[in-house]
């Protein structure tokens, strides 16, 4: 779906992630073409990935998931390097990452009605707001999948963040 490439359960991003988890790799023409399409349409200058909204802003979970998936398929090029760089650059004070560029229900309504992102990323530097465990798992997954020792400190900080979360039943 080239118009709605990230539409839930239907767009190119969803089918790409499903194909990767099913074992497809970069030798597949589908993976090559879909990777090129996704990167062209959602990878930003900072290396992160955005949902299909305006303005485009990098989102932690999307950046982590797509970078990890590309590495898992065997892609090791400037796109994955930029994705990893964005992930490292955006790791927060508590070792995690923020997920959502929404701040309140009005931002969510803007997305639904007019495909506009919100002001949630303005909270990134706020140390009073804890990171998102979902985004942290996604970004940590990409760092782990890379297998690069240079990320060991960031991996340890992310793991400590996740381990510090109180689990509730």
N, C-alpha and C. Protein backbone atom coordinates (compact mmCIF):
# COMPACT_ATOMS: atom_id res chain seq x y z
N UNK A 1 0.86 -1.17 0.00
CA UNK A 1 0.00 0.00 0.00
C UNK A 1 0.90 1.23 0.00
N UNK A 2 1.21 1.73 -1.16
CA UNK A 2 2.17 2.83 -1.28
C UNK A 2 1.61 4.16 -0.77
N UNK A 3 0.30 4.29 -0.69
CA UNK A 3 -0.27 5.53 -0.16
C UNK A 3 -0.26 5.55 1.36
N UNK A 4 -0.57 4.44 1.97
CA UNK A 4 -0.62 4.31 3.43
C UNK A 4 0.38 3.24 3.85
N UNK A 5 1.64 3.51 3.62
CA UNK A 5 2.64 2.46 3.81
C UNK A 5 2.75 1.95 5.23
N UNK A 6 2.25 2.70 6.20
CA UNK A 6 2.35 2.21 7.57
C UNK A 6 0.98 1.97 8.21
N UNK A 7 -0.03 1.79 7.39
CA UNK A 7 -1.37 1.52 7.89
C UNK A 7 -1.36 0.21 8.68
N UNK A 8 -1.95 0.23 9.87
CA UNK A 8 -1.94 -0.96 10.72
C UNK A 8 -2.42 -2.20 9.98
N UNK A 9 -1.62 -3.25 10.08
CA UNK A 9 -1.94 -4.58 9.57
C UNK A 9 -2.14 -4.65 8.07
N UNK A 10 -1.80 -3.59 7.35
CA UNK A 10 -2.03 -3.60 5.92
C UNK A 10 -0.89 -2.98 5.12
N UNK A 11 -0.19 -2.05 5.68
CA UNK A 11 0.81 -1.32 4.92
C UNK A 11 2.12 -2.08 4.75
N UNK A 12 2.97 -1.51 3.93
CA UNK A 12 4.25 -2.11 3.60
C UNK A 12 5.11 -2.38 4.83
N UNK A 13 5.11 -1.46 5.79
CA UNK A 13 5.92 -1.64 6.99
C UNK A 13 5.49 -2.90 7.73
N UNK A 14 4.20 -3.10 7.89
CA UNK A 14 3.70 -4.26 8.63
C UNK A 14 4.07 -5.56 7.92
N UNK A 15 3.90 -5.60 6.59
CA UNK A 15 4.24 -6.82 5.86
C UNK A 15 5.75 -7.05 5.83
N UNK A 16 6.54 -5.98 5.80
CA UNK A 16 7.99 -6.10 5.85
C UNK A 16 8.41 -6.73 7.18
N UNK A 17 7.90 -6.20 8.30
CA UNK A 17 8.25 -6.73 9.62
C UNK A 17 7.82 -8.19 9.75
N UNK A 18 6.65 -8.53 9.23
CA UNK A 18 6.18 -9.92 9.26
C UNK A 18 7.09 -10.82 8.43
N UNK A 19 7.49 -10.37 7.25
CA UNK A 19 8.37 -11.16 6.39
C UNK A 19 9.72 -11.40 7.07
N UNK A 20 10.26 -10.37 7.72
CA UNK A 20 11.55 -10.51 8.42
C UNK A 20 11.43 -11.54 9.54
N UNK A 21 10.37 -11.45 10.32
CA UNK A 21 10.18 -12.40 11.42
C UNK A 21 9.91 -13.81 10.90
N UNK A 22 9.46 -13.92 9.66
CA UNK A 22 9.22 -15.23 9.05
C UNK A 22 10.47 -15.82 8.40
N UNK A 23 11.57 -15.06 8.46
CA UNK A 23 12.84 -15.61 7.97
C UNK A 23 13.34 -15.08 6.64
N UNK A 24 12.60 -14.19 6.01
CA UNK A 24 13.08 -13.62 4.75
C UNK A 24 14.30 -12.75 5.02
N UNK A 25 15.22 -12.72 4.05
CA UNK A 25 16.40 -11.89 4.23
C UNK A 25 16.65 -11.06 2.97
N UNK A 26 17.79 -10.38 2.95
CA UNK A 26 18.07 -9.42 1.90
C UNK A 26 18.27 -10.07 0.53
N UNK A 27 18.37 -11.38 0.46
CA UNK A 27 18.46 -12.05 -0.84
C UNK A 27 17.12 -12.05 -1.56
N UNK A 28 16.04 -11.79 -0.84
CA UNK A 28 14.69 -11.75 -1.42
C UNK A 28 14.45 -10.41 -2.11
N UNK A 29 13.95 -10.48 -3.34
CA UNK A 29 13.63 -9.24 -4.06
C UNK A 29 12.58 -8.42 -3.31
N UNK A 30 11.64 -9.11 -2.64
CA UNK A 30 10.62 -8.40 -1.86
C UNK A 30 11.27 -7.58 -0.75
N UNK A 31 12.19 -8.18 -0.01
CA UNK A 31 12.84 -7.47 1.09
C UNK A 31 13.65 -6.29 0.55
N UNK A 32 14.39 -6.50 -0.54
CA UNK A 32 15.18 -5.41 -1.13
C UNK A 32 14.27 -4.24 -1.53
N UNK A 33 13.23 -4.55 -2.28
CA UNK A 33 12.35 -3.50 -2.78
C UNK A 33 11.60 -2.80 -1.65
N UNK A 34 11.13 -3.57 -0.69
CA UNK A 34 10.37 -2.99 0.41
C UNK A 34 11.26 -2.16 1.32
N UNK A 35 12.49 -2.62 1.56
CA UNK A 35 13.43 -1.82 2.35
C UNK A 35 13.68 -0.49 1.68
N UNK A 36 13.94 -0.52 0.38
CA UNK A 36 14.18 0.73 -0.36
C UNK A 36 12.97 1.65 -0.26
N UNK A 37 11.78 1.09 -0.43
CA UNK A 37 10.55 1.89 -0.38
C UNK A 37 10.34 2.50 1.01
N UNK A 38 10.51 1.70 2.05
CA UNK A 38 10.30 2.19 3.41
C UNK A 38 11.32 3.27 3.75
N UNK A 39 12.58 3.03 3.43
CA UNK A 39 13.61 4.03 3.75
C UNK A 39 13.37 5.32 2.99
N UNK A 40 12.98 5.22 1.74
CA UNK A 40 12.70 6.41 0.94
C UNK A 40 11.54 7.22 1.53
N UNK A 41 10.55 6.52 2.06
CA UNK A 41 9.33 7.19 2.52
C UNK A 41 9.27 7.50 4.01
N UNK A 42 10.15 6.88 4.82
CA UNK A 42 10.00 7.16 6.25
C UNK A 42 11.31 7.35 7.01
N UNK A 43 12.47 7.11 6.40
CA UNK A 43 13.71 7.37 7.12
C UNK A 43 14.07 8.84 6.96
N UNK A 44 14.32 9.49 8.07
CA UNK A 44 14.58 10.93 8.08
C UNK A 44 16.07 11.23 8.04
N UNK A 45 16.40 12.49 7.89
CA UNK A 45 17.79 12.93 7.84
C UNK A 45 18.57 12.48 9.08
N UNK A 46 17.92 12.47 10.25
CA UNK A 46 18.62 12.09 11.48
C UNK A 46 18.83 10.58 11.59
N UNK A 47 18.32 9.82 10.62
CA UNK A 47 18.48 8.37 10.61
C UNK A 47 17.32 7.61 11.21
N UNK A 48 16.46 8.32 11.97
CA UNK A 48 15.30 7.69 12.57
C UNK A 48 14.19 7.49 11.55
N UNK A 49 13.15 6.81 11.98
CA UNK A 49 12.02 6.52 11.12
C UNK A 49 10.76 7.17 11.68
N UNK A 50 9.89 7.60 10.79
CA UNK A 50 8.66 8.29 11.16
C UNK A 50 7.45 7.47 10.73
N UNK A 51 6.35 7.72 11.38
CA UNK A 51 5.07 7.25 10.89
C UNK A 51 4.65 8.16 9.75
N UNK A 52 3.57 7.86 9.09
CA UNK A 52 3.10 8.62 7.94
C UNK A 52 2.24 9.80 8.40
N UNK A 53 2.93 10.83 8.91
CA UNK A 53 2.23 12.03 9.37
C UNK A 53 3.07 13.25 9.06
N UNK A 54 2.52 14.42 9.31
CA UNK A 54 3.21 15.68 9.03
C UNK A 54 3.25 16.50 10.30
N UNK A 55 4.34 17.13 10.64
CA UNK A 55 5.65 16.94 10.01
C UNK A 55 6.22 15.59 10.42
N UNK A 56 7.13 15.11 9.63
CA UNK A 56 7.79 13.84 9.92
C UNK A 56 8.71 14.02 11.12
N UNK A 57 8.59 13.16 12.10
CA UNK A 57 9.47 13.16 13.27
C UNK A 57 9.86 11.73 13.58
N UNK A 58 11.10 11.55 14.00
CA UNK A 58 11.58 10.22 14.36
C UNK A 58 10.82 9.72 15.59
N UNK A 59 10.48 8.45 15.58
CA UNK A 59 9.76 7.82 16.67
C UNK A 59 10.60 6.64 17.17
N UNK A 60 10.82 6.59 18.48
CA UNK A 60 11.70 5.58 19.06
C UNK A 60 11.37 4.15 18.68
N UNK A 61 10.13 3.75 18.88
CA UNK A 61 9.79 2.34 18.61
C UNK A 61 9.89 2.03 17.12
N UNK A 62 9.46 2.94 16.28
CA UNK A 62 9.53 2.72 14.83
C UNK A 62 10.99 2.65 14.37
N UNK A 63 11.82 3.55 14.90
CA UNK A 63 13.24 3.56 14.52
C UNK A 63 13.92 2.27 14.96
N UNK A 64 13.65 1.84 16.19
CA UNK A 64 14.24 0.61 16.69
C UNK A 64 13.78 -0.62 15.92
N UNK A 65 12.46 -0.71 15.70
CA UNK A 65 11.92 -1.89 15.02
C UNK A 65 12.43 -2.02 13.58
N UNK A 66 12.42 -0.92 12.84
CA UNK A 66 12.86 -1.00 11.44
C UNK A 66 14.37 -1.19 11.32
N UNK A 67 15.12 -0.54 12.17
CA UNK A 67 16.57 -0.73 12.12
C UNK A 67 16.93 -2.17 12.47
N UNK A 68 16.31 -2.71 13.52
CA UNK A 68 16.56 -4.10 13.90
C UNK A 68 16.18 -5.04 12.76
N UNK A 69 15.03 -4.82 12.15
CA UNK A 69 14.58 -5.70 11.08
C UNK A 69 15.53 -5.66 9.88
N UNK A 70 16.00 -4.47 9.53
CA UNK A 70 16.92 -4.37 8.40
C UNK A 70 18.23 -5.11 8.70
N UNK A 71 18.75 -4.94 9.92
CA UNK A 71 19.98 -5.64 10.30
C UNK A 71 19.75 -7.15 10.27
N UNK A 72 18.59 -7.57 10.77
CA UNK A 72 18.26 -9.00 10.81
C UNK A 72 18.22 -9.62 9.41
N UNK A 73 17.84 -8.84 8.40
CA UNK A 73 17.79 -9.35 7.03
C UNK A 73 19.16 -9.41 6.38
N UNK A 74 20.16 -8.82 7.05
CA UNK A 74 21.50 -8.81 6.47
C UNK A 74 21.90 -7.47 5.87
N UNK A 75 21.04 -6.49 6.00
CA UNK A 75 21.38 -5.16 5.48
C UNK A 75 22.37 -4.52 6.44
N UNK A 76 23.49 -4.10 5.93
CA UNK A 76 24.51 -3.43 6.72
C UNK A 76 25.07 -2.31 5.85
N UNK A 77 24.34 -1.22 5.77
CA UNK A 77 24.75 -0.11 4.92
C UNK A 77 24.50 1.22 5.63
N UNK A 78 24.54 2.30 4.89
CA UNK A 78 24.39 3.63 5.51
C UNK A 78 23.01 3.80 6.16
N UNK A 79 22.00 3.11 5.68
CA UNK A 79 20.66 3.24 6.27
C UNK A 79 20.63 2.65 7.67
N UNK A 80 21.23 1.48 7.85
CA UNK A 80 21.25 0.88 9.18
C UNK A 80 22.21 1.65 10.09
N UNK A 81 23.31 2.12 9.54
CA UNK A 81 24.24 2.92 10.35
C UNK A 81 23.58 4.21 10.83
N UNK A 82 22.82 4.85 9.96
CA UNK A 82 22.10 6.07 10.36
C UNK A 82 21.02 5.77 11.39
N UNK A 83 20.33 4.63 11.24
CA UNK A 83 19.32 4.24 12.22
C UNK A 83 19.94 4.01 13.59
N UNK A 84 21.05 3.31 13.63
CA UNK A 84 21.73 3.06 14.90
C UNK A 84 22.25 4.36 15.51
N UNK A 85 22.76 5.25 14.68
CA UNK A 85 23.25 6.54 15.16
C UNK A 85 22.13 7.35 15.80
N UNK A 86 20.96 7.36 15.17
CA UNK A 86 19.81 8.07 15.73
C UNK A 86 19.40 7.47 17.07
N UNK A 87 19.40 6.16 17.15
CA UNK A 87 19.03 5.49 18.39
C UNK A 87 19.98 5.90 19.51
N UNK A 88 21.27 5.83 19.25
CA UNK A 88 22.26 6.20 20.27
C UNK A 88 22.10 7.67 20.67
N UNK A 89 21.91 8.53 19.69
CA UNK A 89 21.81 9.96 19.95
C UNK A 89 20.60 10.31 20.83
N UNK A 90 19.55 9.52 20.72
CA UNK A 90 18.31 9.84 21.43
C UNK A 90 18.10 9.05 22.72
N UNK A 91 19.10 8.30 23.15
CA UNK A 91 18.96 7.62 24.44
C UNK A 91 18.89 8.67 25.53
N UNK A 92 17.99 8.48 26.45
CA UNK A 92 17.69 9.49 27.48
C UNK A 92 18.47 9.27 28.76
N UNK A 93 18.28 10.18 29.68
CA UNK A 93 18.97 10.21 30.97
C UNK A 93 18.80 8.92 31.77
N UNK A 94 17.65 8.27 31.63
CA UNK A 94 17.37 7.07 32.43
C UNK A 94 17.74 5.77 31.71
N UNK A 95 18.34 5.88 30.53
CA UNK A 95 18.76 4.71 29.78
C UNK A 95 17.77 4.25 28.74
N UNK A 96 16.57 4.84 28.75
CA UNK A 96 15.53 4.43 27.81
C UNK A 96 15.34 5.43 26.69
N UNK A 97 14.24 5.25 25.99
CA UNK A 97 13.86 6.13 24.89
C UNK A 97 12.39 6.49 25.05
N UNK A 98 12.02 7.67 24.55
CA UNK A 98 10.60 8.03 24.50
C UNK A 98 10.03 7.52 23.19
N UNK A 99 8.78 7.23 23.22
CA UNK A 99 8.10 6.61 22.10
C UNK A 99 7.28 7.60 21.31
N UNK A 100 6.50 8.33 21.95
CA UNK A 100 5.36 8.96 21.30
C UNK A 100 5.49 10.47 21.18
N UNK A 101 5.31 10.99 19.99
CA UNK A 101 5.32 12.44 19.83
C UNK A 101 3.94 13.07 20.07
N UNK A 102 3.17 12.45 20.95
CA UNK A 102 1.87 13.00 21.29
C UNK A 102 1.88 13.46 22.74
N UNK A 103 1.18 14.50 22.99
CA UNK A 103 1.05 14.99 24.35
C UNK A 103 -0.43 15.28 24.58
N UNK A 104 -1.12 14.30 25.09
CA UNK A 104 -2.53 14.48 25.37
C UNK A 104 -3.44 14.07 24.22
N UNK A 105 -4.72 14.04 24.52
CA UNK A 105 -5.71 13.57 23.55
C UNK A 105 -5.87 14.50 22.35
N UNK A 106 -5.60 15.79 22.51
CA UNK A 106 -5.74 16.69 21.37
C UNK A 106 -4.70 16.37 20.30
N UNK A 107 -3.49 15.98 20.71
CA UNK A 107 -2.48 15.59 19.73
C UNK A 107 -2.89 14.31 19.01
N UNK A 108 -3.48 13.36 19.72
CA UNK A 108 -3.94 12.12 19.10
C UNK A 108 -5.04 12.42 18.09
N UNK A 109 -5.95 13.31 18.44
CA UNK A 109 -7.03 13.68 17.51
C UNK A 109 -6.48 14.36 16.26
N UNK A 110 -5.45 15.17 16.43
CA UNK A 110 -4.82 15.81 15.26
C UNK A 110 -4.26 14.74 14.32
N UNK A 111 -3.67 13.70 14.88
CA UNK A 111 -3.14 12.65 14.04
C UNK A 111 -4.26 11.94 13.29
N UNK A 112 -5.30 11.57 14.01
CA UNK A 112 -6.39 10.82 13.40
C UNK A 112 -7.10 11.64 12.33
N UNK A 113 -7.37 12.89 12.62
CA UNK A 113 -8.17 13.72 11.71
C UNK A 113 -7.36 14.33 10.57
N UNK A 114 -6.15 14.80 10.85
CA UNK A 114 -5.41 15.53 9.82
C UNK A 114 -3.97 15.06 9.64
N UNK A 115 -3.61 13.90 10.21
CA UNK A 115 -2.27 13.32 10.07
C UNK A 115 -1.17 14.30 10.48
N UNK A 116 -1.37 14.98 11.58
CA UNK A 116 -0.36 15.91 12.12
C UNK A 116 0.21 15.32 13.40
N UNK A 117 1.55 15.36 13.53
CA UNK A 117 2.16 14.87 14.76
C UNK A 117 1.99 15.91 15.85
N UNK A 118 2.24 15.50 17.06
CA UNK A 118 2.02 16.39 18.20
C UNK A 118 3.29 17.00 18.74
N UNK A 119 3.22 17.47 19.97
CA UNK A 119 4.33 18.15 20.62
C UNK A 119 4.99 17.30 21.70
N UNK A 120 4.76 16.01 21.68
CA UNK A 120 5.31 15.12 22.69
C UNK A 120 6.82 15.10 22.75
N UNK A 121 7.48 15.24 21.60
CA UNK A 121 8.95 15.23 21.60
C UNK A 121 9.55 16.42 22.32
N UNK A 122 8.75 17.41 22.60
CA UNK A 122 9.25 18.53 23.39
C UNK A 122 9.58 18.07 24.80
N UNK A 123 9.03 16.91 25.20
CA UNK A 123 9.29 16.35 26.53
C UNK A 123 10.58 15.55 26.61
N UNK A 124 11.22 15.27 25.49
CA UNK A 124 12.42 14.42 25.50
C UNK A 124 13.45 14.85 26.53
N UNK A 125 13.77 16.13 26.66
CA UNK A 125 14.79 16.52 27.65
C UNK A 125 14.28 16.55 29.10
N UNK A 126 12.99 16.40 29.31
CA UNK A 126 12.40 16.50 30.65
C UNK A 126 12.74 15.24 31.45
N UNK A 127 13.64 15.38 32.42
CA UNK A 127 14.06 14.22 33.22
C UNK A 127 12.98 13.75 34.18
N UNK A 128 11.93 14.53 34.34
CA UNK A 128 10.82 14.11 35.20
C UNK A 128 9.88 13.13 34.51
N UNK A 129 10.03 12.97 33.21
CA UNK A 129 9.18 12.05 32.45
C UNK A 129 10.00 10.80 32.15
N UNK A 130 9.56 9.66 32.65
CA UNK A 130 10.32 8.43 32.40
C UNK A 130 10.20 8.00 30.94
N UNK A 131 11.18 7.25 30.50
CA UNK A 131 11.17 6.72 29.14
C UNK A 131 10.09 5.66 28.99
N UNK A 132 9.82 5.30 27.76
CA UNK A 132 8.80 4.31 27.42
C UNK A 132 9.43 2.92 27.34
N UNK A 133 8.93 1.94 28.09
CA UNK A 133 9.48 0.58 28.00
C UNK A 133 9.36 -0.03 26.61
N UNK A 134 8.29 0.27 25.88
CA UNK A 134 8.11 -0.29 24.53
C UNK A 134 9.17 0.25 23.58
N UNK A 135 9.35 1.57 23.57
CA UNK A 135 10.37 2.17 22.72
C UNK A 135 11.76 1.69 23.12
N UNK A 136 11.97 1.53 24.42
CA UNK A 136 13.27 1.06 24.91
C UNK A 136 13.54 -0.36 24.43
N UNK A 137 12.55 -1.23 24.49
CA UNK A 137 12.73 -2.60 23.98
C UNK A 137 13.05 -2.59 22.48
N UNK A 138 12.38 -1.73 21.73
CA UNK A 138 12.62 -1.66 20.30
C UNK A 138 14.04 -1.18 19.98
N UNK A 139 14.44 -0.12 20.64
CA UNK A 139 15.78 0.43 20.39
C UNK A 139 16.87 -0.52 20.90
N UNK A 140 16.64 -1.12 22.05
CA UNK A 140 17.59 -2.09 22.58
C UNK A 140 17.72 -3.28 21.63
N UNK A 141 16.62 -3.71 21.06
CA UNK A 141 16.65 -4.82 20.10
C UNK A 141 17.54 -4.52 18.90
N UNK A 142 17.47 -3.29 18.40
CA UNK A 142 18.31 -2.90 17.27
C UNK A 142 19.78 -2.91 17.65
N UNK A 143 20.09 -2.38 18.84
CA UNK A 143 21.48 -2.35 19.28
C UNK A 143 22.02 -3.77 19.47
N UNK A 144 21.21 -4.64 20.05
CA UNK A 144 21.63 -6.03 20.24
C UNK A 144 21.81 -6.75 18.91
N UNK A 145 20.88 -6.54 17.99
CA UNK A 145 20.94 -7.19 16.68
C UNK A 145 22.19 -6.78 15.91
N UNK A 146 22.66 -5.56 16.14
CA UNK A 146 23.84 -5.08 15.42
C UNK A 146 25.09 -5.89 15.78
N UNK A 147 25.16 -6.40 17.01
CA UNK A 147 26.31 -7.16 17.44
C UNK A 147 27.58 -6.33 17.61
N UNK A 148 27.43 -5.02 17.62
CA UNK A 148 28.59 -4.12 17.71
C UNK A 148 28.95 -3.84 19.17
N UNK A 149 30.19 -4.07 19.53
CA UNK A 149 30.66 -3.82 20.89
C UNK A 149 30.60 -2.34 21.27
N UNK A 150 30.66 -1.46 20.29
CA UNK A 150 30.64 -0.03 20.59
C UNK A 150 29.33 0.40 21.27
N UNK A 151 28.31 -0.43 21.20
CA UNK A 151 27.02 -0.09 21.81
C UNK A 151 26.83 -0.71 23.19
N UNK A 152 27.84 -1.38 23.70
CA UNK A 152 27.69 -2.09 24.98
C UNK A 152 27.24 -1.18 26.12
N UNK A 153 27.77 0.03 26.21
CA UNK A 153 27.36 0.93 27.29
C UNK A 153 25.89 1.31 27.16
N UNK A 154 25.45 1.62 25.95
CA UNK A 154 24.03 1.96 25.74
C UNK A 154 23.13 0.77 26.01
N UNK A 155 23.60 -0.42 25.63
CA UNK A 155 22.83 -1.64 25.89
C UNK A 155 22.68 -1.85 27.39
N UNK A 156 23.76 -1.68 28.13
CA UNK A 156 23.71 -1.85 29.59
C UNK A 156 22.78 -0.84 30.23
N UNK A 157 22.84 0.42 29.79
CA UNK A 157 21.95 1.44 30.35
C UNK A 157 20.49 1.12 30.06
N UNK A 158 20.19 0.64 28.85
CA UNK A 158 18.81 0.29 28.50
C UNK A 158 18.34 -0.91 29.32
N UNK A 159 19.20 -1.89 29.49
CA UNK A 159 18.83 -3.07 30.28
C UNK A 159 18.55 -2.68 31.73
N UNK A 160 19.38 -1.81 32.29
CA UNK A 160 19.14 -1.35 33.66
C UNK A 160 17.82 -0.59 33.78
N UNK A 161 17.51 0.22 32.76
CA UNK A 161 16.22 0.91 32.77
C UNK A 161 15.07 -0.10 32.81
N UNK A 162 15.12 -1.09 31.95
CA UNK A 162 14.04 -2.08 31.91
C UNK A 162 13.97 -2.91 33.19
N UNK A 163 15.12 -3.26 33.73
CA UNK A 163 15.14 -4.05 34.96
C UNK A 163 14.67 -3.23 36.17
N UNK A 164 14.75 -1.91 36.07
CA UNK A 164 14.33 -1.07 37.20
C UNK A 164 12.82 -0.86 37.24
N UNK A 165 12.13 -1.24 36.17
CA UNK A 165 10.68 -1.06 36.12
C UNK A 165 10.00 -2.08 37.02
N UNK A 166 9.11 -1.60 37.83
CA UNK A 166 8.38 -2.50 38.70
C UNK A 166 7.35 -3.25 37.87
N UNK A 167 7.41 -4.56 37.95
CA UNK A 167 6.45 -5.38 37.22
C UNK A 167 5.18 -5.52 38.02
N UNK A 168 4.06 -5.33 37.33
CA UNK A 168 2.79 -5.49 38.01
C UNK A 168 1.97 -6.57 37.32
N UNK A 169 1.15 -7.28 38.08
CA UNK A 169 0.39 -8.41 37.59
C UNK A 169 -0.70 -8.01 36.74
